[in-house]
Amino acid sequence: MDHHIRSAVTNGLRRRGADVLTADEDGHARTPDDRVLRRATQIGRVVFTHDTDYLAIAHQWQAIGQEFAGVVFVHQEALPIAKMIDDLELIAKATDPEDMRNRVEFLPL
């Protein structure tokens, strides 16, 4: 989870059994976005964000062939929290991490 994501989303996913790690918990709350994405890739985690900078980074990395674990993006305040949790749970439980590699997924599904 990017550090801007509401804790209600993180907590809701955890209640449903999803394995979630926040940037803050990983010691990267104030780390530049490209380094957070690089770190997420190193540990095999898809980044969930509403920060458009990640879209630019992902596009740039796709263009140059730079591998990344994946990005799930939602426009800020575009979805109710319950719908975000539903969609993220589906991605977390039904998608193989390799299927998300080098990909950007947009919510709502």
C-alpha atoms as a PDB file:
ATOM      1  CA  MET A   1       0.000   0.000   0.000  1.00  0.00           C
ATOM      2  CA  ASP A   2       1.250   3.425  -0.896  1.00  0.00           C
ATOM      3  CA  HIS A   3       1.457   5.670   2.159  1.00  0.00           C
ATOM      4  CA  HIS A   4      -1.496   7.802   0.984  1.00  0.00           C
ATOM      5  CA  ILE A   5      -4.027   4.957   1.099  1.00  0.00           C
ATOM      6  CA  ARG A   6      -6.584   5.130   3.889  1.00  0.00           C
ATOM      7  CA  SER A   7      -6.018   2.693   6.725  1.00  0.00           C
ATOM      8  CA  ALA A   8      -9.644   1.540   6.382  1.00  0.00           C
ATOM      9  CA  VAL A   9      -8.714  -0.090   3.057  1.00  0.00           C
ATOM     10  CA  THR A  10      -5.689  -1.827   4.550  1.00  0.00           C
ATOM     11  CA  ASN A  11      -7.610  -2.966   7.617  1.00  0.00           C
ATOM     12  CA  GLY A  12     -10.556  -4.194   5.558  1.00  0.00           C
ATOM     13  CA  LEU A  13      -8.302  -6.283   3.361  1.00  0.00           C
ATOM     14  CA  ARG A  14      -6.534  -7.756   6.350  1.00  0.00           C
ATOM     15  CA  ARG A  15      -9.865  -8.713   7.928  1.00  0.00           C
ATOM     16  CA  ARG A  16     -10.576 -10.643   4.739  1.00  0.00           C
ATOM     17  CA  GLY A  17      -7.273 -12.499   4.962  1.00  0.00           C
ATOM     18  CA  ALA A  18      -5.288 -10.564   2.346  1.00  0.00           C
ATOM     19  CA  ASP A  19      -1.543 -10.230   2.914  1.00  0.00           C
ATOM     20  CA  VAL A  20      -0.989  -6.462   2.973  1.00  0.00           C
ATOM     21  CA  LEU A  21       2.162  -4.466   3.653  1.00  0.00           C
ATOM     22  CA  THR A  22       2.116  -0.681   3.830  1.00  0.00           C
ATOM     23  CA  ALA A  23       4.993   1.500   2.721  1.00  0.00           C
ATOM     24  CA  ASP A  24       5.090   2.866   6.262  1.00  0.00           C
ATOM     25  CA  GLU A  25       5.381  -0.611   7.808  1.00  0.00           C
ATOM     26  CA  ASP A  26       8.228  -1.358   5.394  1.00  0.00           C
ATOM     27  CA  GLY A  27      10.026   1.832   6.416  1.00  0.00           C
ATOM     28  CA  HIS A  28       9.304   3.662   3.159  1.00  0.00           C
ATOM     29  CA  ALA A  29       6.610   6.203   3.972  1.00  0.00           C
ATOM     30  CA  ARG A  30       8.794   9.105   2.821  1.00  0.00           C
ATOM     31  CA  THR A  31      10.716   7.274   0.110  1.00  0.00           C
ATOM     32  CA  PRO A  32      10.432   8.546  -3.492  1.00  0.00           C
ATOM     33  CA  ASP A  33       7.849   6.652  -5.531  1.00  0.00           C
ATOM     34  CA  ASP A  34      10.328   5.060  -7.946  1.00  0.00           C
ATOM     35  CA  ARG A  35      12.251   3.602  -5.000  1.00  0.00           C
ATOM     36  CA  VAL A  36       9.026   2.328  -3.402  1.00  0.00           C
ATOM     37  CA  LEU A  37       8.138   0.566  -6.661  1.00  0.00           C
ATOM     38  CA  ARG A  38      11.653  -0.844  -6.908  1.00  0.00           C
ATOM     39  CA  ARG A  39      11.424  -2.091  -3.303  1.00  0.00           C
ATOM     40  CA  ALA A  40       7.986  -3.613  -3.927  1.00  0.00           C
ATOM     41  CA  THR A  41       9.424  -5.446  -6.920  1.00  0.00           C
ATOM     42  CA  GLN A  42      12.338  -6.765  -4.856  1.00  0.00           C
ATOM     43  CA  ILE A  43       9.961  -8.278  -2.310  1.00  0.00           C
ATOM     44  CA  GLY A  44       7.348  -9.391  -4.860  1.00  0.00           C
ATOM     45  CA  ARG A  45       4.575  -6.951  -3.919  1.00  0.00           C
ATOM     46  CA  VAL A  46       2.157  -5.097  -6.174  1.00  0.00           C
ATOM     47  CA  VAL A  47       1.741  -1.411  -5.251  1.00  0.00           C
ATOM     48  CA  PHE A  48      -1.771  -0.040  -4.691  1.00  0.00           C
ATOM     49  CA  THR A  49      -1.950   3.732  -5.063  1.00  0.00           C
ATOM     50  CA  HIS A  50      -3.942   6.746  -6.182  1.00  0.00           C
ATOM     51  CA  ASP A  51      -0.764   8.710  -6.893  1.00  0.00           C
ATOM     52  CA  THR A  52      -0.508   9.384 -10.638  1.00  0.00           C
ATOM     53  CA  ASP A  53       3.293   9.518 -10.360  1.00  0.00           C
ATOM     54  CA  TYR A  54       3.225   5.704 -10.255  1.00  0.00           C
ATOM     55  CA  LEU A  55       1.439   5.643 -13.600  1.00  0.00           C
ATOM     56  CA  ALA A  56       4.187   7.743 -15.137  1.00  0.00           C
ATOM     57  CA  ILE A  57       6.905   5.575 -13.583  1.00  0.00           C
ATOM     58  CA  ALA A  58       5.228   2.347 -14.715  1.00  0.00           C
ATOM     59  CA  HIS A  59       4.800   3.700 -18.253  1.00  0.00           C
ATOM     60  CA  GLN A  60       8.422   4.787 -18.348  1.00  0.00           C
ATOM     61  CA  TRP A  61       9.649   1.432 -17.044  1.00  0.00           C
ATOM     62  CA  GLN A  62       7.484  -0.470 -19.528  1.00  0.00           C
ATOM     63  CA  ALA A  63       8.982   1.596 -22.355  1.00  0.00           C
ATOM     64  CA  ILE A  64      12.561   0.775 -21.366  1.00  0.00           C
ATOM     65  CA  GLY A  65      11.932  -2.820 -20.308  1.00  0.00           C
ATOM     66  CA  GLN A  66      12.489  -2.180 -16.589  1.00  0.00           C
ATOM     67  CA  GLU A  67      10.721  -4.943 -14.643  1.00  0.00           C
ATOM     68  CA  PHE A  68       8.271  -4.099 -11.848  1.00  0.00           C
ATOM     69  CA  ALA A  69       5.893  -6.173  -9.727  1.00  0.00           C
ATOM     70  CA  GLY A  70       2.760  -4.309 -10.825  1.00  0.00           C
ATOM     71  CA  VAL A  71       0.646  -1.308  -9.933  1.00  0.00           C
ATOM     72  CA  VAL A  72      -3.038  -1.140  -9.053  1.00  0.00           C
ATOM     73  CA  PHE A  73      -4.379   2.386  -9.420  1.00  0.00           C
ATOM     74  CA  VAL A  74      -7.597   4.069  -8.371  1.00  0.00           C
ATOM     75  CA  HIS A  75      -8.458   7.738  -8.748  1.00  0.00           C
ATOM     76  CA  GLN A  76      -8.603   9.300  -5.304  1.00  0.00           C
ATOM     77  CA  GLU A  77     -12.131   9.240  -3.914  1.00  0.00           C
ATOM     78  CA  ALA A  78     -13.395   7.562  -7.116  1.00  0.00           C
ATOM     79  CA  LEU A  79     -14.716   4.502  -5.296  1.00  0.00           C
ATOM     80  CA  PRO A  80     -16.309   3.806  -1.965  1.00  0.00           C
ATOM     81  CA  ILE A  81     -13.923   2.079   0.415  1.00  0.00           C
ATOM     82  CA  ALA A  82     -16.008  -1.117   0.411  1.00  0.00           C
ATOM     83  CA  LYS A  83     -15.737  -1.374  -3.406  1.00  0.00           C
ATOM     84  CA  MET A  84     -11.965  -0.791  -3.260  1.00  0.00           C
ATOM     85  CA  ILE A  85     -11.662  -3.574  -0.712  1.00  0.00           C
ATOM     86  CA  ASP A  86     -13.822  -5.916  -2.832  1.00  0.00           C
ATOM     87  CA  ASP A  87     -11.766  -5.284  -5.981  1.00  0.00           C
ATOM     88  CA  LEU A  88      -8.420  -5.496  -4.208  1.00  0.00           C
ATOM     89  CA  GLU A  89      -9.433  -8.715  -2.471  1.00  0.00           C
ATOM     90  CA  LEU A  90     -10.296 -10.205  -5.838  1.00  0.00           C
ATOM     91  CA  ILE A  91      -6.922  -9.195  -7.261  1.00  0.00           C
ATOM     92  CA  ALA A  92      -5.051 -10.439  -4.179  1.00  0.00           C
ATOM     93  CA  LYS A  93      -6.772 -13.802  -4.047  1.00  0.00           C
ATOM     94  CA  ALA A  94      -7.432 -14.594  -7.691  1.00  0.00           C
ATOM     95  CA  THR A  95      -4.406 -13.179  -9.483  1.00  0.00           C
ATOM     96  CA  ASP A  96      -1.040 -14.854  -9.605  1.00  0.00           C
ATOM     97  CA  PRO A  97       1.728 -12.323  -8.818  1.00  0.00           C
ATOM     98  CA  GLU A  98       3.406 -13.183 -12.112  1.00  0.00           C
ATOM     99  CA  ASP A  99       0.227 -12.107 -13.954  1.00  0.00           C
ATOM    100  CA  MET A 100       0.593  -8.616 -12.479  1.00  0.00           C
ATOM    101  CA  ARG A 101       4.249  -8.260 -13.418  1.00  0.00           C
ATOM    102  CA  ASN A 102       4.929  -5.151 -15.566  1.00  0.00           C
ATOM    103  CA  ARG A 103       1.229  -4.340 -15.575  1.00  0.00           C
ATOM    104  CA  VAL A 104      -0.996  -1.508 -14.418  1.00  0.00           C
ATOM    105  CA  GLU A 105      -4.530  -2.402 -13.330  1.00  0.00           C
ATOM    106  CA  PHE A 106      -7.195   0.261 -12.817  1.00  0.00           C
ATOM    107  CA  LEU A 107     -10.043   0.161 -10.312  1.00  0.00           C
ATOM    108  CA  PRO A 108     -12.923  -0.320 -10.501  1.00  0.00           C
ATOM    109  CA  LEU A 109     -12.545  -3.726 -12.124  1.00  0.00           C
END
